[in-house]
Every structure is written in C-alpha cells, then in structure tokens.
Amino acid sequence: MPDVAALRAYWSHRQGLDGSLAGATSADVLDRVGWARSVGGTTPYLTLFSRAGIRREQADADVAALRIHELPSARDCTYVLPATDFALAPVVGGGASSTSELRVAEKLGVTRAEIDALADEVVGVLSDGDADPAGLRKSLGDKVRSLGDEGKKKGVTTTLPLALGVLQAQSRIRRVPIDGRLDQQRFRYTVWRSAPTFSGTPQEARAELARKYWGWIGLASLAHFQWFSGFTKTNATKAVADLGLEPLTDTTLLATPATLAEFADFTAPAEPQLSLIGWLDSLVLLRRDLDSLTVERDRAHPLLDPARGSSAGGSLTDLPNQGIVDRGRLIGLWDYDPATEEVVWAPITKLTAAQRKATLVAVGETAAYIRDDLGDNRGMSLDSPAGRAPRLATMRQPAMP
C-alpha cells in the first residue's frame, strides 16, 4: 500500500496548494489545477486566492479580458476556465442540459426547428448590443412562447432558455456576469464573435480532457474520471486509451508512467501547509472521495455528517462546508460571518501546535480577503447569511467531539 499521508500531500502538490503557484496568473492556475466550478459562489475566487494570492480585482479583469471565462463544460456544468480551453469546453460538455430540456419541451409540442428559429432571432437582437433575459424577452415579444402550467411543472417555462442553451453549446453567444462578478448568477448575453472552435473529433476532445484531468490531479481512478467528465464508461475508457495509464500498487488509482515515477520520489513536507478552500474546490471535486483526504478516526466527526449524503454511515464524498486542508488532509471546516466580518472555523481533529498556528494565519488572511474583496462568502447561489447561521453556530460550539 502507498503511504497515505504522502498520497494526500501529492494531491495537494498537484493542486498547487503547496505554494508552488505563487505569482501565477489566473489562467495559469486554472490550467494547472483544473477548471473552477461556478454556481454563483466564491469557489473560483477562493481557488485563485488560495493558490496564487490573486485578488478579486485581478480575477474580474481577467474575466473581462477573456483570459478566463465561465462556460458550460464537463457534464454541461458551468466552470471558470482558461482561454486555452474555451474551444474544448463545449465539445466535452455536449450541451447535455439543453438537450435534456429540449426533450422535455418536445413532449410539450416544441420542435427543434422552432428553437433553432428562435435562436437565430436571439442572435439578431444581440447583434445590436448585449441584453439580459428580461431585455431579450421584451425585444423578442411573441416569438418567445410560454409553455404554460405544464411547462412550469417540468421546469421549462418558456422557449427562450432553450434557445439560449443551444446558442451557448454552439459557442454563438456567451454569458457576461453583471457587475463583472463571478459570485452571483445575474447575466447578460453577448454574441461571441470569433469564438474558438475545436478542430478535432469528439473522441479527440474526450481524449484531451482525459489528458488534462490526469495532469490536474495526478492519480485518480477511471470511475473518478467518469464522474467528472460525465462520459459513459465506454467513452471514458476510450478517452484514456493513449495515456499509458498504469495502476498505483494495491489501489484503483491510475497514473501516467511519468507521474508514477514522480510520486515514487515524492516526500510529504514535514511542516504544515494550510489552505482554506471553497466548498467545490477541485482538490475534492475532481474525485469526490473525501474519505481519501481524511484520517479514519476523523470521519465520525459530527461536522462531517452532511458529507455522507443520504447514506448514513457511508463514505464521505463532498465537503459539507468550506474546508481547511493541511498537505491534502482535511483537518477542519470554516465559513464567513458577514455580521462580525470574521472566519468562523472548527477542527475535525486534534491539531498540533504548528497546525494551529498555521491555521490562524490562513484564517486571518482569508478573512481579510473576503472582507476587503468579496464582502461575503457565498458557497453557491442559494447560500445566504441567514441559511449559513446554523452552520456557523455549530462551528462556534466550544467542545465539538
């Protein structure tokens, strides 16, 4: 069996949480550690800050300059990614969400021809200037069809979102965040002139995503990649065929020969390397295997109960809150209280004196960043100070087991 502590530290190293990305640009960070999941929360900002100390003003400027951008990508979920991947993202995303909604709408009497015609009308409106959904509805008038109560029940109220989804999947338009901020879900749309296009086949796109994925994380199972990509098992297997992946002894983890050699020579740092990461940080999200980032005795901590999902006592998958990691090991949880302008945190294990000292430094730096740059720390679009209050109260309890 591999040294588990070394394995966790190696994942942290590949993810740039060891200080190796200090001074890197936003695009460089996302190219190295992977696309940052965006659901109207602060994860993209925290990803850039925790790795390279990048402030919000710089991140927003990089979005405005199209050095990085939020696009539908893997599994057709939205991620913030570097310009080098703008062409790849829609191909591997495949427009899965819009395709699914189109199938639902078809049962309500909406044809693809109707949506394609509406899409052309949308592009025509946007050719005169950017517009938000309300502005588009006003300009398009009765060209946008209501799908009535039945559509409401199925989550498809009008034909406009269907057209917008198709256009984004085709890279004909893109969303621009209102106020330029990534931690909200208010957008206007613009025609994407000279949008980059992927020159290869869908199979070549899937293979390129596989190459990037193992570059981001280093060691992962085929099942991990299949979840992240949303590919079928057949397509995932074909995607990795030319990577020369080999198993890490006594595990289901796979790596390239170069990565296996690198890991064999890797030694976990002796001193703490503390980072406060976001709810959907790629250290966790790329594999969704929180057990591998925790020590067994810590997994029963009550703060981790929500991480088990619906399977009581089962494996830990996703962070139940923002995380504190040391050399790839989850050692605590945190969040931000805008009322007191402080980071509230709690360990899930007994910390050494060095870990506690390093945690307090990281907590102070992150609190100042959120206060000065972000104003609040919404983990996702539905997060709010009121909804966060019970979690903050739990973490403030003086004697957690």
Protein backbone atom coordinates (compact mmCIF):
# COMPACT_ATOMS: atom_id res chain seq x y z
CA MET A 1 0.00 0.00 0.00
CA PRO A 2 1.23 3.53 -0.73
CA ASP A 3 1.98 5.96 2.10
CA VAL A 4 -1.46 7.58 2.53
CA ALA A 5 -0.07 10.80 4.00
CA ALA A 6 2.31 11.10 1.04
CA LEU A 7 -0.56 10.46 -1.36
CA ARG A 8 -2.68 13.22 0.17
CA ALA A 9 0.29 15.60 0.12
CA TYR A 10 0.96 14.70 -3.51
CA TRP A 11 -2.62 15.53 -4.49
CA SER A 12 -2.17 18.85 -2.67
CA HIS A 13 1.06 19.45 -4.58
CA ARG A 14 -0.58 18.73 -7.94
CA GLN A 15 -3.33 21.11 -6.93
CA GLY A 16 -0.89 23.92 -6.21
CA LEU A 17 -1.80 24.16 -2.52
CA ASP A 18 1.86 23.94 -1.52
CA GLY A 19 2.83 27.46 -2.58
CA SER A 20 4.20 26.32 -5.94
CA LEU A 21 1.83 28.64 -7.85
CA ALA A 22 2.75 31.86 -6.05
CA GLY A 23 2.85 34.63 -8.64
CA ALA A 24 0.99 32.64 -11.30
CA THR A 25 -1.71 34.24 -13.43
CA SER A 26 -5.39 33.29 -13.18
CA ALA A 27 -5.18 31.39 -16.47
CA ASP A 28 -2.03 29.57 -15.35
CA VAL A 29 -3.70 28.46 -12.10
CA LEU A 30 -6.77 27.07 -13.86
CA ASP A 31 -4.62 25.37 -16.47
CA ARG A 32 -2.54 23.69 -13.76
CA VAL A 33 -5.18 22.66 -11.19
CA GLY A 34 -8.34 22.37 -13.28
CA TRP A 35 -11.50 24.26 -14.03
CA ALA A 36 -13.16 26.03 -11.09
CA ARG A 37 -16.79 25.04 -10.57
CA SER A 38 -19.07 28.07 -10.59
CA VAL A 39 -22.62 28.00 -9.26
CA GLY A 40 -22.94 31.63 -8.26
CA GLY A 41 -20.49 31.09 -5.40
CA THR A 42 -16.99 32.15 -4.43
CA THR A 43 -15.14 28.93 -5.32
CA PRO A 44 -13.46 30.45 -8.42
CA TYR A 45 -12.19 33.38 -6.36
CA LEU A 46 -11.03 31.15 -3.50
CA THR A 47 -9.33 28.81 -5.98
CA LEU A 48 -7.23 31.67 -7.34
CA PHE A 49 -6.56 33.24 -3.94
CA SER A 50 -5.62 30.01 -2.14
CA ARG A 51 -3.12 29.02 -4.86
CA ALA A 52 -1.63 32.28 -6.06
CA GLY A 53 -2.94 35.08 -3.83
CA ILE A 54 -4.88 36.54 -6.77
CA ARG A 55 -7.27 39.30 -5.67
CA ARG A 56 -10.83 39.73 -6.95
CA GLU A 57 -9.99 42.87 -8.94
CA GLN A 58 -7.42 40.92 -10.96
CA ALA A 59 -9.72 37.92 -11.42
CA ASP A 60 -12.55 40.16 -12.64
CA ALA A 61 -10.17 41.93 -15.02
CA ASP A 62 -9.12 38.55 -16.41
CA VAL A 63 -12.78 37.67 -16.99
CA ALA A 64 -13.42 40.99 -18.73
CA ALA A 65 -10.38 40.46 -20.97
CA LEU A 66 -11.44 36.87 -21.78
CA ARG A 67 -8.24 35.45 -20.29
CA ILE A 68 -10.58 33.27 -18.22
CA HIS A 69 -14.32 32.79 -18.58
CA GLU A 70 -17.30 30.86 -17.25
CA LEU A 71 -18.61 28.31 -19.75
CA PRO A 72 -20.73 25.15 -19.79
CA SER A 73 -18.12 22.41 -19.68
CA ALA A 74 -17.82 18.91 -18.20
CA ARG A 75 -21.26 17.34 -17.67
CA ASP A 76 -22.54 20.62 -19.14
CA CYS A 77 -21.94 22.22 -15.74
CA THR A 78 -20.51 25.74 -15.62
CA TYR A 79 -16.83 26.17 -14.79
CA VAL A 80 -14.39 29.06 -14.96
CA LEU A 81 -11.58 28.01 -17.27
CA PRO A 82 -8.59 29.47 -19.12
CA ALA A 83 -8.77 30.74 -22.69
CA THR A 84 -6.74 27.76 -23.91
CA ASP A 85 -9.75 25.55 -23.09
CA PHE A 86 -12.56 27.71 -24.49
CA ALA A 87 -12.78 25.56 -27.63
CA LEU A 88 -12.65 22.26 -25.75
CA ALA A 89 -15.28 23.00 -23.11
CA PRO A 90 -18.49 22.98 -25.22
CA VAL A 91 -17.39 19.84 -27.07
CA VAL A 92 -16.88 17.78 -23.92
CA GLY A 93 -19.96 19.35 -22.32
CA GLY A 94 -22.04 18.29 -25.26
CA GLY A 95 -24.93 20.59 -24.43
CA ALA A 96 -26.31 17.87 -22.16
CA SER A 97 -28.52 20.22 -20.14
CA SER A 98 -30.05 21.92 -23.15
CA THR A 99 -30.54 18.56 -24.89
CA SER A 100 -32.37 17.23 -21.84
CA GLU A 101 -34.58 20.32 -21.68
CA LEU A 102 -35.27 20.08 -25.40
CA ARG A 103 -36.53 16.53 -24.91
CA VAL A 104 -38.86 17.73 -22.16
CA ALA A 105 -40.08 20.60 -24.33
CA GLU A 106 -40.66 18.26 -27.26
CA LYS A 107 -43.29 16.47 -25.19
CA LEU A 108 -44.97 19.86 -24.79
CA GLY A 109 -45.15 20.36 -28.55
CA VAL A 110 -41.92 22.34 -29.07
CA THR A 111 -39.93 21.33 -32.13
CA ARG A 112 -36.20 21.75 -32.65
CA ALA A 113 -36.95 23.81 -35.72
CA GLU A 114 -38.87 26.28 -33.54
CA ILE A 115 -35.93 26.58 -31.12
CA ASP A 116 -33.39 26.99 -33.92
CA ALA A 117 -35.52 29.76 -35.45
CA LEU A 118 -35.78 31.48 -32.07
CA ALA A 119 -32.02 31.12 -31.60
CA ASP A 120 -31.42 32.99 -34.85
CA GLU A 121 -33.78 35.73 -33.63
CA VAL A 122 -31.83 35.97 -30.36
CA VAL A 123 -28.57 36.41 -32.25
CA GLY A 124 -30.23 39.10 -34.33
CA VAL A 125 -31.24 41.03 -31.21
CA LEU A 126 -27.82 40.63 -29.62
CA SER A 127 -26.13 41.86 -32.78
CA ASP A 128 -27.41 45.32 -31.78
CA GLY A 129 -25.92 45.04 -28.28
CA ASP A 130 -25.80 42.93 -25.13
CA ALA A 131 -29.04 42.12 -23.30
CA ASP A 132 -30.20 40.36 -20.17
CA PRO A 133 -33.03 37.79 -20.26
CA ALA A 134 -35.67 40.41 -19.48
CA GLY A 135 -34.42 42.63 -22.30
CA LEU A 136 -34.41 39.69 -24.71
CA ARG A 137 -37.98 38.77 -23.82
CA LYS A 138 -39.08 42.35 -24.40
CA SER A 139 -37.33 42.59 -27.77
CA LEU A 140 -38.49 39.16 -28.99
CA GLY A 141 -42.10 39.62 -27.96
CA ASP A 142 -44.41 36.81 -29.07
CA LYS A 143 -41.53 34.96 -30.70
CA VAL A 144 -40.93 33.58 -27.20
CA ARG A 145 -43.62 31.05 -26.37
CA SER A 146 -44.92 30.33 -22.88
CA LEU A 147 -45.19 26.64 -22.08
CA GLY A 148 -47.93 27.17 -19.51
CA ASP A 149 -48.57 25.37 -16.26
CA GLU A 150 -47.41 22.05 -17.67
CA GLY A 151 -44.08 23.58 -18.61
CA LYS A 152 -43.78 25.13 -15.16
CA LYS A 153 -44.22 21.72 -13.58
CA LYS A 154 -41.40 20.37 -15.73
CA GLY A 155 -39.10 23.34 -15.11
CA VAL A 156 -39.31 24.78 -18.65
CA THR A 157 -41.47 27.89 -18.52
CA THR A 158 -40.74 29.45 -21.94
CA THR A 159 -38.80 28.66 -25.10
CA LEU A 160 -36.19 31.39 -24.51
CA PRO A 161 -33.93 29.42 -22.09
CA LEU A 162 -33.95 26.55 -24.59
CA ALA A 163 -32.66 28.83 -27.35
CA LEU A 164 -30.06 30.35 -25.04
CA GLY A 165 -28.83 26.89 -24.05
CA VAL A 166 -28.46 25.81 -27.67
CA LEU A 167 -26.60 29.01 -28.58
CA GLN A 168 -24.17 28.64 -25.68
CA ALA A 169 -23.49 24.99 -26.56
CA GLN A 170 -22.72 26.15 -30.11
CA SER A 171 -20.47 28.98 -28.81
CA ARG A 172 -22.56 31.52 -30.76
CA ILE A 173 -23.22 33.55 -27.61
CA ARG A 174 -21.73 33.73 -24.13
CA ARG A 175 -22.87 34.92 -20.74
CA VAL A 176 -21.28 38.00 -19.21
CA PRO A 177 -21.66 38.43 -15.44
CA ILE A 178 -23.43 41.63 -14.45
CA ASP A 179 -21.06 43.83 -12.42
CA GLY A 180 -18.30 41.53 -13.67
CA ARG A 181 -18.54 39.28 -10.63
CA LEU A 182 -18.35 35.50 -10.62
CA ASP A 183 -20.09 35.01 -7.24
CA GLN A 184 -23.61 35.79 -8.45
CA GLN A 185 -25.92 34.46 -11.13
CA ARG A 186 -27.08 37.59 -12.90
CA PHE A 187 -26.01 37.69 -16.52
CA ARG A 188 -26.40 39.46 -19.79
CA TYR A 189 -25.72 37.77 -23.11
CA THR A 190 -23.48 38.82 -25.95
CA VAL A 191 -22.68 37.49 -29.41
CA TRP A 192 -19.42 35.55 -29.28
CA ARG A 193 -17.63 36.86 -32.30
CA SER A 194 -14.58 34.83 -33.37
CA ALA A 195 -15.32 32.14 -30.79
CA PRO A 196 -12.58 29.48 -30.81
CA THR A 197 -13.54 26.11 -32.26
CA PHE A 198 -12.13 22.67 -31.55
CA SER A 199 -10.60 21.25 -34.71
CA GLY A 200 -10.67 17.57 -33.76
CA THR A 201 -13.34 14.91 -33.42
CA PRO A 202 -15.49 14.40 -30.31
CA GLN A 203 -13.31 11.39 -29.48
CA GLU A 204 -10.19 13.55 -29.68
CA ALA A 205 -11.87 16.11 -27.40
CA ARG A 206 -12.63 13.43 -24.84
CA ALA A 207 -9.01 12.24 -25.01
CA GLU A 208 -7.80 15.81 -24.50
CA LEU A 209 -9.98 16.20 -21.41
CA ALA A 210 -8.57 12.94 -20.03
CA ARG A 211 -5.03 14.20 -20.57
CA LYS A 212 -5.81 17.43 -18.79
CA TYR A 213 -7.63 15.66 -15.96
CA TRP A 214 -4.69 13.43 -15.03
CA GLY A 215 -2.43 16.46 -15.30
CA TRP A 216 -4.60 18.30 -12.78
CA ILE A 217 -4.84 15.55 -10.16
CA GLY A 218 -2.03 13.12 -10.99
CA LEU A 219 -3.60 9.98 -9.54
CA ALA A 220 -7.25 9.02 -9.98
CA SER A 221 -9.40 6.02 -10.86
CA LEU A 222 -11.30 5.58 -14.08
CA ALA A 223 -14.51 5.89 -12.05
CA HIS A 224 -13.34 9.28 -10.75
CA PHE A 225 -12.75 10.49 -14.29
CA GLN A 226 -16.04 9.08 -15.50
CA TRP A 227 -17.92 11.01 -12.82
CA PHE A 228 -16.09 14.28 -13.51
CA SER A 229 -16.45 14.04 -17.28
CA GLY A 230 -19.96 12.61 -17.41
CA PHE A 231 -18.79 10.23 -20.14
CA THR A 232 -20.18 6.74 -20.46
CA LYS A 233 -17.84 4.01 -19.27
CA THR A 234 -17.13 3.09 -22.89
CA ASN A 235 -16.24 6.65 -23.86
CA ALA A 236 -14.19 7.17 -20.70
CA THR A 237 -12.21 4.01 -21.41
CA LYS A 238 -11.56 5.10 -24.99
CA ALA A 239 -10.57 8.59 -23.81
CA VAL A 240 -7.72 7.28 -21.64
CA ALA A 241 -6.52 4.63 -24.11
CA ASP A 242 -3.49 6.60 -25.32
CA LEU A 243 -2.37 7.93 -21.91
CA GLY A 244 -0.50 4.76 -20.97
CA LEU A 245 -2.08 4.77 -17.53
CA GLU A 246 -0.72 2.30 -15.01
CA PRO A 247 -2.14 1.35 -11.59
CA LEU A 248 -0.62 2.50 -8.33
CA THR A 249 0.17 -0.67 -6.42
CA ASP A 250 -2.70 -2.05 -4.32
CA THR A 251 -5.11 0.73 -5.35
CA THR A 252 -7.61 1.50 -8.09
CA LEU A 253 -5.71 4.73 -8.80
CA LEU A 254 -4.18 5.20 -12.23
CA ALA A 255 -1.37 7.47 -13.38
CA THR A 256 0.94 8.03 -16.31
CA PRO A 257 4.39 6.42 -16.07
CA ALA A 258 5.93 9.88 -15.53
CA THR A 259 3.52 10.63 -12.67
CA LEU A 260 4.17 7.26 -11.02
CA ALA A 261 7.89 7.97 -11.12
CA GLU A 262 7.32 11.47 -9.73
CA PHE A 263 5.17 10.13 -6.91
CA ALA A 264 7.76 7.45 -6.07
CA ASP A 265 10.31 10.24 -5.48
CA PHE A 266 7.86 12.49 -3.64
CA THR A 267 8.20 13.13 0.08
CA ALA A 268 5.43 14.75 2.09
CA PRO A 269 6.53 18.09 3.60
CA ALA A 270 7.36 17.94 7.30
CA GLU A 271 5.86 21.33 8.10
CA PRO A 272 2.16 22.29 7.81
CA GLN A 273 0.88 23.76 4.53
CA LEU A 274 -2.50 25.21 5.46
CA SER A 275 -5.12 26.31 2.96
CA LEU A 276 -8.73 27.42 3.29
CA ILE A 277 -10.53 26.08 0.23
CA GLY A 278 -14.02 26.54 -1.18
CA TRP A 279 -16.93 24.16 -0.97
CA LEU A 280 -16.44 22.93 -4.55
CA ASP A 281 -12.66 23.13 -4.69
CA SER A 282 -11.06 20.91 -7.33
CA LEU A 283 -8.96 19.09 -4.71
CA VAL A 284 -12.26 17.47 -3.69
CA LEU A 285 -14.49 17.87 -6.73
CA LEU A 286 -12.22 16.14 -9.24
CA ARG A 287 -12.62 12.81 -7.42
CA ARG A 288 -15.48 13.24 -4.91
CA ASP A 289 -13.71 10.90 -2.48
CA LEU A 290 -13.45 12.80 0.78
CA ASP A 291 -12.52 9.61 2.63
CA SER A 292 -9.15 9.69 0.89
CA LEU A 293 -8.49 13.19 2.25
CA THR A 294 -9.36 12.33 5.84
CA VAL A 295 -7.90 10.16 8.60
CA GLU A 296 -10.24 7.33 9.54
CA ARG A 297 -10.73 8.45 13.14
CA ASP A 298 -11.84 11.92 11.94
CA ARG A 299 -14.59 10.61 9.66
CA ALA A 300 -17.06 10.14 12.52
CA HIS A 301 -16.88 13.82 13.47
CA PRO A 302 -20.43 15.25 13.58
CA LEU A 303 -19.45 18.19 11.38
CA LEU A 304 -18.91 15.69 8.56
CA ASP A 305 -22.32 14.03 8.78
CA PRO A 306 -23.78 16.06 5.87
CA ALA A 307 -20.87 14.86 3.69
CA ARG A 308 -22.35 11.36 3.73
CA GLY A 309 -25.39 12.44 1.74
CA SER A 310 -28.33 10.07 2.10
CA SER A 311 -26.14 7.12 3.08
CA ALA A 312 -25.91 7.20 6.87
CA GLY A 313 -22.54 5.92 7.97
CA GLY A 314 -21.41 5.61 4.34
CA SER A 315 -18.39 7.03 2.58
CA LEU A 316 -17.69 10.75 2.62
CA THR A 317 -18.00 12.34 -0.80
CA ASP A 318 -18.32 16.15 -0.84
CA LEU A 319 -17.38 18.89 1.59
CA PRO A 320 -20.36 19.86 3.78
CA ASN A 321 -18.89 23.35 4.14
CA GLN A 322 -15.74 25.23 3.19
CA GLY A 323 -12.66 23.16 4.07
CA ILE A 324 -9.34 23.58 5.85
CA VAL A 325 -6.63 21.30 4.50
CA ASP A 326 -3.05 20.64 5.53
CA ARG A 327 -0.87 18.84 3.00
CA GLY A 328 -4.03 17.46 1.39
CA ARG A 329 -5.62 16.26 4.61
CA LEU A 330 -8.95 17.75 5.68
CA ILE A 331 -8.44 19.00 9.24
CA GLY A 332 -11.34 21.41 9.68
CA LEU A 333 -14.27 23.35 8.26
CA TRP A 334 -14.88 27.08 8.02
CA ASP A 335 -17.21 29.78 6.78
CA TYR A 336 -17.58 33.53 6.92
CA ASP A 337 -19.86 35.58 9.16
CA PRO A 338 -20.52 38.94 7.47
CA ALA A 339 -22.09 40.31 10.66
CA THR A 340 -18.81 40.03 12.55
CA GLU A 341 -16.56 40.09 9.45
CA GLU A 342 -14.71 37.01 10.63
CA VAL A 343 -13.98 33.50 9.51
CA VAL A 344 -15.57 31.00 11.89
CA TRP A 345 -13.83 27.65 11.89
CA ALA A 346 -13.63 24.38 13.76
CA PRO A 347 -11.15 21.50 13.59
CA ILE A 348 -12.32 17.95 12.95
CA THR A 349 -9.17 16.52 14.52
CA LYS A 350 -6.68 17.34 17.25
CA LEU A 351 -4.30 19.93 15.84
CA THR A 352 -0.62 20.15 16.60
CA ALA A 353 0.72 23.47 17.85
CA ALA A 354 2.26 24.07 14.42
CA GLN A 355 -1.02 23.29 12.65
CA ARG A 356 -3.00 25.61 14.93
CA LYS A 357 -0.52 28.44 14.41
CA ALA A 358 -0.58 27.99 10.62
CA THR A 359 -4.39 27.74 10.63
CA LEU A 360 -4.74 31.04 12.49
CA VAL A 361 -2.52 32.74 9.92
CA ALA A 362 -4.51 31.28 6.99
CA VAL A 363 -7.81 32.17 8.69
CA GLY A 364 -6.70 35.76 9.18
CA GLU A 365 -5.55 36.13 5.57
CA THR A 366 -8.74 34.61 4.17
CA ALA A 367 -10.98 36.70 6.43
CA ALA A 368 -9.26 39.88 5.26
CA TYR A 369 -9.58 38.82 1.62
CA ILE A 370 -13.29 38.10 1.93
CA ARG A 371 -13.96 41.30 3.88
CA ASP A 372 -11.96 43.56 1.57
CA ASP A 373 -12.56 41.92 -1.82
CA LEU A 374 -15.75 39.85 -1.72
CA GLY A 375 -17.88 41.29 1.08
CA ASP A 376 -19.30 37.85 1.83
CA ASN A 377 -18.53 34.22 1.07
CA ARG A 378 -21.47 32.57 -0.68
CA GLY A 379 -20.60 28.94 -1.24
CA MET A 380 -23.18 28.75 -4.00
CA SER A 381 -26.05 30.83 -5.37
CA LEU A 382 -28.58 29.68 -2.74
CA ASP A 383 -26.22 30.35 0.16
CA SER A 384 -27.04 33.32 2.39
CA PRO A 385 -26.04 34.66 5.82
CA ALA A 386 -29.40 33.51 7.22
CA GLY A 387 -29.05 30.00 5.79
CA ARG A 388 -25.46 29.86 6.98
CA ALA A 389 -26.30 30.81 10.56
CA PRO A 390 -26.96 27.24 11.84
CA ARG A 391 -23.61 26.04 10.44
CA LEU A 392 -21.79 28.97 12.00
CA ALA A 393 -23.47 28.30 15.34
CA THR A 394 -22.42 24.65 15.24
CA MET A 395 -18.81 25.53 14.48
CA ARG A 396 -18.81 28.05 17.33
CA GLN A 397 -19.68 25.37 19.88
CA PRO A 398 -16.70 25.22 22.26
CA ALA A 399 -16.47 21.46 22.67
CA MET A 400 -17.10 19.59 19.46
CA PRO A 401 -16.28 15.87 19.86
